[in-house]
Amino acid sequence: MHTESIGNGHVRGQQRGPDGGFNGTWHRVAGMYDGVQWKLCVDGVLAAGSLHTGVIASTTYDVNLGRDAQNVTRLYKGPIDDVRIYHGALPKSEILKLAHP
């Protein structure tokens, strides 16, 4: 899994999330940004994150899940289910409830 921190239209940093046995098992993945830090949680556990302040840059690309919007040949090869996009940040307690229903 590859994540990027975007600010002012530019990639500010890159981190790798879980590797190895990630594929072949269902996981609950949540990405969050609170204006100070972006975080990626897998199954309710912080997997990656980076400090970043400011607004999230807008783009002309549509939201893509399992595919890179700019390089459409980069695809996630596996099923994706139960996708949700929220207008604001959820509290940690709500994310934990969603990670472990």
N, C-alpha and C. Protein backbone atom coordinates (compact mmCIF):
# COMPACT_ATOMS: atom_id res chain seq x y z
N MET A 1 0.85 -1.15 0.00
CA MET A 1 0.00 0.00 0.00
C MET A 1 0.90 1.22 0.00
N HIS A 2 0.55 2.20 -0.80
CA HIS A 2 1.37 3.39 -0.93
C HIS A 2 0.49 4.60 -0.63
N THR A 3 0.95 5.51 0.20
CA THR A 3 0.18 6.70 0.52
C THR A 3 1.03 7.93 0.23
N GLU A 4 0.36 9.04 -0.08
CA GLU A 4 1.07 10.28 -0.34
C GLU A 4 0.41 11.40 0.43
N SER A 5 1.22 12.32 0.91
CA SER A 5 0.72 13.52 1.56
C SER A 5 0.76 14.65 0.53
N ILE A 6 -0.38 15.24 0.24
CA ILE A 6 -0.47 16.27 -0.78
C ILE A 6 -0.68 17.63 -0.13
N GLY A 7 0.04 18.63 -0.55
CA GLY A 7 -0.14 19.98 -0.05
C GLY A 7 0.19 20.99 -1.13
N ASN A 8 -0.67 21.96 -1.31
CA ASN A 8 -0.47 22.99 -2.33
C ASN A 8 -0.24 22.38 -3.71
N GLY A 9 -0.87 21.26 -3.98
CA GLY A 9 -0.76 20.64 -5.28
C GLY A 9 0.49 19.83 -5.50
N HIS A 10 1.35 19.69 -4.49
CA HIS A 10 2.62 18.99 -4.66
C HIS A 10 2.71 17.83 -3.66
N VAL A 11 3.38 16.77 -4.05
CA VAL A 11 3.63 15.67 -3.14
C VAL A 11 4.66 16.13 -2.12
N ARG A 12 4.30 16.04 -0.84
CA ARG A 12 5.19 16.50 0.23
C ARG A 12 5.98 15.35 0.85
N GLY A 13 5.50 14.14 0.74
CA GLY A 13 6.20 13.01 1.32
C GLY A 13 5.50 11.73 0.96
N GLN A 14 6.21 10.65 1.00
CA GLN A 14 5.63 9.36 0.67
C GLN A 14 5.99 8.36 1.75
N GLN A 15 5.03 7.50 2.07
CA GLN A 15 5.27 6.46 3.05
C GLN A 15 4.60 5.19 2.58
N ARG A 16 5.14 4.09 3.02
CA ARG A 16 4.53 2.81 2.73
C ARG A 16 3.77 2.36 3.95
N GLY A 17 2.57 1.85 3.72
CA GLY A 17 1.77 1.26 4.78
C GLY A 17 2.12 -0.22 4.88
N PRO A 18 1.16 -1.04 5.31
CA PRO A 18 1.42 -2.46 5.51
C PRO A 18 1.82 -3.16 4.21
N ASP A 19 2.74 -4.08 4.31
CA ASP A 19 3.16 -4.87 3.16
C ASP A 19 3.00 -6.34 3.50
N GLY A 20 3.52 -7.19 2.66
CA GLY A 20 3.51 -8.62 2.94
C GLY A 20 2.13 -9.23 2.84
N GLY A 21 1.54 -9.58 3.97
CA GLY A 21 0.27 -10.29 4.00
C GLY A 21 -0.95 -9.42 3.87
N PHE A 22 -0.81 -8.19 3.37
CA PHE A 22 -1.96 -7.30 3.26
C PHE A 22 -3.00 -7.84 2.29
N ASN A 23 -2.58 -8.32 1.14
CA ASN A 23 -3.52 -8.88 0.16
C ASN A 23 -3.99 -10.25 0.60
N GLY A 24 -5.19 -10.61 0.21
CA GLY A 24 -5.74 -11.91 0.54
C GLY A 24 -6.52 -11.93 1.84
N THR A 25 -6.57 -10.80 2.55
CA THR A 25 -7.30 -10.68 3.80
C THR A 25 -8.07 -9.37 3.78
N TRP A 26 -9.31 -9.39 4.29
CA TRP A 26 -10.10 -8.16 4.35
C TRP A 26 -9.54 -7.25 5.43
N HIS A 27 -9.47 -5.95 5.12
CA HIS A 27 -9.00 -4.94 6.08
C HIS A 27 -9.93 -3.74 6.02
N ARG A 28 -9.99 -3.02 7.10
CA ARG A 28 -10.70 -1.75 7.15
C ARG A 28 -9.64 -0.65 7.17
N VAL A 29 -9.67 0.20 6.15
CA VAL A 29 -8.67 1.24 5.98
C VAL A 29 -9.36 2.61 6.11
N ALA A 30 -8.78 3.49 6.92
CA ALA A 30 -9.33 4.84 7.09
C ALA A 30 -8.21 5.85 6.94
N GLY A 31 -8.44 6.84 6.10
CA GLY A 31 -7.51 7.95 5.95
C GLY A 31 -8.12 9.19 6.57
N MET A 32 -7.33 9.94 7.33
CA MET A 32 -7.84 11.11 8.03
C MET A 32 -6.87 12.28 7.90
N TYR A 33 -7.44 13.47 7.88
CA TYR A 33 -6.62 14.68 7.92
C TYR A 33 -7.35 15.70 8.79
N ASP A 34 -6.68 16.23 9.80
CA ASP A 34 -7.32 17.15 10.74
C ASP A 34 -6.78 18.58 10.66
N GLY A 35 -6.06 18.90 9.60
CA GLY A 35 -5.48 20.23 9.44
C GLY A 35 -4.08 20.35 10.00
N VAL A 36 -3.63 19.32 10.72
CA VAL A 36 -2.30 19.31 11.32
C VAL A 36 -1.52 18.07 10.92
N GLN A 37 -2.22 16.95 10.78
CA GLN A 37 -1.56 15.68 10.49
C GLN A 37 -2.49 14.81 9.65
N TRP A 38 -1.92 14.11 8.69
CA TRP A 38 -2.71 13.10 7.98
C TRP A 38 -2.29 11.74 8.53
N LYS A 39 -3.28 10.82 8.58
CA LYS A 39 -3.04 9.49 9.14
C LYS A 39 -3.73 8.44 8.28
N LEU A 40 -3.14 7.28 8.25
CA LEU A 40 -3.74 6.13 7.61
C LEU A 40 -3.81 5.02 8.66
N CYS A 41 -5.02 4.56 8.94
CA CYS A 41 -5.21 3.48 9.91
C CYS A 41 -5.68 2.23 9.17
N VAL A 42 -5.14 1.10 9.57
CA VAL A 42 -5.56 -0.19 9.02
C VAL A 42 -6.05 -1.03 10.19
N ASP A 43 -7.30 -1.45 10.10
CA ASP A 43 -7.93 -2.24 11.16
C ASP A 43 -7.83 -1.55 12.52
N GLY A 44 -8.00 -0.22 12.52
CA GLY A 44 -8.02 0.55 13.75
C GLY A 44 -6.66 0.88 14.32
N VAL A 45 -5.58 0.54 13.61
CA VAL A 45 -4.22 0.78 14.09
C VAL A 45 -3.51 1.74 13.12
N LEU A 46 -2.85 2.76 13.67
CA LEU A 46 -2.13 3.72 12.83
C LEU A 46 -1.04 2.99 12.04
N ALA A 47 -1.10 3.10 10.69
CA ALA A 47 -0.13 2.42 9.83
C ALA A 47 0.85 3.40 9.20
N ALA A 48 0.43 4.66 9.00
CA ALA A 48 1.30 5.66 8.40
C ALA A 48 0.74 7.03 8.72
N GLY A 49 1.58 8.03 8.67
CA GLY A 49 1.12 9.38 8.92
C GLY A 49 2.25 10.37 8.75
N SER A 50 1.88 11.64 8.68
CA SER A 50 2.87 12.69 8.49
C SER A 50 2.29 14.01 8.96
N LEU A 51 3.11 14.84 9.58
CA LEU A 51 2.68 16.18 9.96
C LEU A 51 2.55 17.03 8.70
N HIS A 52 1.48 17.79 8.65
CA HIS A 52 1.27 18.71 7.52
C HIS A 52 0.20 19.70 7.94
N THR A 53 0.45 20.97 7.76
CA THR A 53 -0.56 21.96 8.09
C THR A 53 -1.05 22.62 6.81
N GLY A 54 -2.27 23.10 6.87
CA GLY A 54 -2.85 23.79 5.73
C GLY A 54 -4.02 23.02 5.15
N VAL A 55 -4.58 23.57 4.10
CA VAL A 55 -5.73 22.96 3.46
C VAL A 55 -5.28 21.87 2.49
N ILE A 56 -6.17 20.98 2.18
CA ILE A 56 -5.90 19.94 1.18
C ILE A 56 -6.11 20.57 -0.19
N ALA A 57 -5.13 20.46 -1.05
CA ALA A 57 -5.21 21.05 -2.38
C ALA A 57 -6.32 20.40 -3.19
N SER A 58 -7.00 21.18 -3.98
CA SER A 58 -8.02 20.63 -4.87
C SER A 58 -7.36 20.16 -6.16
N THR A 59 -8.09 19.37 -6.92
CA THR A 59 -7.58 18.83 -8.17
C THR A 59 -8.72 18.69 -9.16
N THR A 60 -8.39 18.56 -10.39
CA THR A 60 -9.41 18.35 -11.41
C THR A 60 -9.71 16.87 -11.60
N TYR A 61 -8.93 16.00 -10.94
CA TYR A 61 -9.15 14.57 -11.06
C TYR A 61 -10.32 14.12 -10.19
N ASP A 62 -11.08 13.15 -10.68
CA ASP A 62 -12.13 12.54 -9.90
C ASP A 62 -11.51 11.68 -8.80
N VAL A 63 -12.30 11.39 -7.77
CA VAL A 63 -11.85 10.47 -6.72
C VAL A 63 -11.66 9.10 -7.35
N ASN A 64 -10.54 8.47 -7.08
CA ASN A 64 -10.24 7.14 -7.58
C ASN A 64 -9.96 6.22 -6.41
N LEU A 65 -10.49 5.04 -6.45
CA LEU A 65 -10.23 4.02 -5.43
C LEU A 65 -9.61 2.82 -6.12
N GLY A 66 -8.43 2.44 -5.69
CA GLY A 66 -7.76 1.29 -6.29
C GLY A 66 -7.08 1.60 -7.60
N ARG A 67 -6.90 2.90 -7.89
CA ARG A 67 -6.26 3.29 -9.14
C ARG A 67 -5.65 4.67 -8.97
N ASP A 68 -4.53 4.90 -9.61
CA ASP A 68 -3.87 6.20 -9.61
C ASP A 68 -4.55 7.06 -10.69
N ALA A 69 -5.09 8.21 -10.31
CA ALA A 69 -5.82 9.06 -11.25
C ALA A 69 -4.95 9.58 -12.39
N GLN A 70 -3.67 9.78 -12.11
CA GLN A 70 -2.78 10.31 -13.14
C GLN A 70 -2.12 9.22 -13.97
N ASN A 71 -1.96 8.05 -13.41
CA ASN A 71 -1.34 6.93 -14.10
C ASN A 71 -2.29 5.75 -13.99
N VAL A 72 -3.27 5.71 -14.89
CA VAL A 72 -4.38 4.76 -14.76
C VAL A 72 -3.98 3.30 -14.97
N THR A 73 -2.72 3.05 -15.28
CA THR A 73 -2.27 1.65 -15.37
C THR A 73 -1.83 1.12 -14.01
N ARG A 74 -1.72 2.00 -13.00
CA ARG A 74 -1.39 1.57 -11.64
C ARG A 74 -2.69 1.21 -10.93
N LEU A 75 -2.97 -0.07 -10.85
CA LEU A 75 -4.23 -0.55 -10.30
C LEU A 75 -4.00 -1.42 -9.07
N TYR A 76 -4.92 -1.34 -8.12
CA TYR A 76 -4.93 -2.28 -7.01
C TYR A 76 -5.59 -3.55 -7.51
N LYS A 77 -4.96 -4.67 -7.32
CA LYS A 77 -5.49 -5.95 -7.81
C LYS A 77 -6.11 -6.70 -6.65
N GLY A 78 -7.37 -6.45 -6.39
CA GLY A 78 -8.09 -7.10 -5.31
C GLY A 78 -9.44 -6.46 -5.15
N PRO A 79 -10.32 -7.08 -4.40
CA PRO A 79 -11.66 -6.51 -4.22
C PRO A 79 -11.64 -5.32 -3.26
N ILE A 80 -12.54 -4.37 -3.49
CA ILE A 80 -12.75 -3.22 -2.62
C ILE A 80 -14.24 -3.20 -2.31
N ASP A 81 -14.58 -3.05 -1.03
CA ASP A 81 -15.99 -3.13 -0.62
C ASP A 81 -16.28 -2.10 0.47
N ASP A 82 -17.51 -1.66 0.55
CA ASP A 82 -18.01 -0.79 1.62
C ASP A 82 -17.19 0.48 1.76
N VAL A 83 -17.12 1.26 0.70
CA VAL A 83 -16.36 2.50 0.67
C VAL A 83 -17.24 3.64 1.20
N ARG A 84 -16.66 4.49 2.04
CA ARG A 84 -17.38 5.64 2.58
C ARG A 84 -16.45 6.86 2.55
N ILE A 85 -17.00 7.99 2.17
CA ILE A 85 -16.27 9.26 2.20
C ILE A 85 -17.10 10.21 3.05
N TYR A 86 -16.49 10.76 4.10
CA TYR A 86 -17.18 11.66 5.00
C TYR A 86 -16.76 13.10 4.74
N HIS A 87 -17.65 14.03 5.01
CA HIS A 87 -17.38 15.44 4.78
C HIS A 87 -16.39 16.01 5.79
N GLY A 88 -16.31 15.44 6.96
CA GLY A 88 -15.40 15.92 7.99
C GLY A 88 -14.72 14.76 8.69
N ALA A 89 -13.82 15.12 9.56
CA ALA A 89 -13.07 14.10 10.30
C ALA A 89 -13.97 13.41 11.33
N LEU A 90 -13.84 12.11 11.44
CA LEU A 90 -14.55 11.35 12.47
C LEU A 90 -13.68 11.27 13.71
N PRO A 91 -14.30 11.25 14.89
CA PRO A 91 -13.50 11.06 16.09
C PRO A 91 -12.90 9.65 16.12
N LYS A 92 -11.79 9.51 16.82
CA LYS A 92 -11.10 8.23 16.90
C LYS A 92 -12.04 7.12 17.37
N SER A 93 -12.94 7.43 18.32
CA SER A 93 -13.87 6.42 18.84
C SER A 93 -14.77 5.88 17.73
N GLU A 94 -15.20 6.73 16.82
CA GLU A 94 -16.07 6.29 15.71
C GLU A 94 -15.28 5.44 14.72
N ILE A 95 -14.05 5.82 14.45
CA ILE A 95 -13.21 5.03 13.54
C ILE A 95 -12.96 3.64 14.12
N LEU A 96 -12.71 3.57 15.42
CA LEU A 96 -12.50 2.26 16.06
C LEU A 96 -13.75 1.40 15.98
N LYS A 97 -14.94 2.03 16.13
CA LYS A 97 -16.21 1.28 15.99
C LYS A 97 -16.34 0.72 14.58
N LEU A 98 -15.98 1.52 13.57
CA LEU A 98 -16.08 1.07 12.18
C LEU A 98 -15.05 -0.01 11.87
N ALA A 99 -13.88 0.06 12.53
CA ALA A 99 -12.82 -0.91 12.28
C ALA A 99 -13.14 -2.26 12.92
N HIS A 100 -13.90 -2.24 13.98
CA HIS A 100 -14.23 -3.49 14.70
C HIS A 100 -15.72 -3.53 15.00
N PRO A 101 -16.55 -3.76 13.96
CA PRO A 101 -18.01 -3.71 14.16
C PRO A 101 -18.52 -4.84 15.05
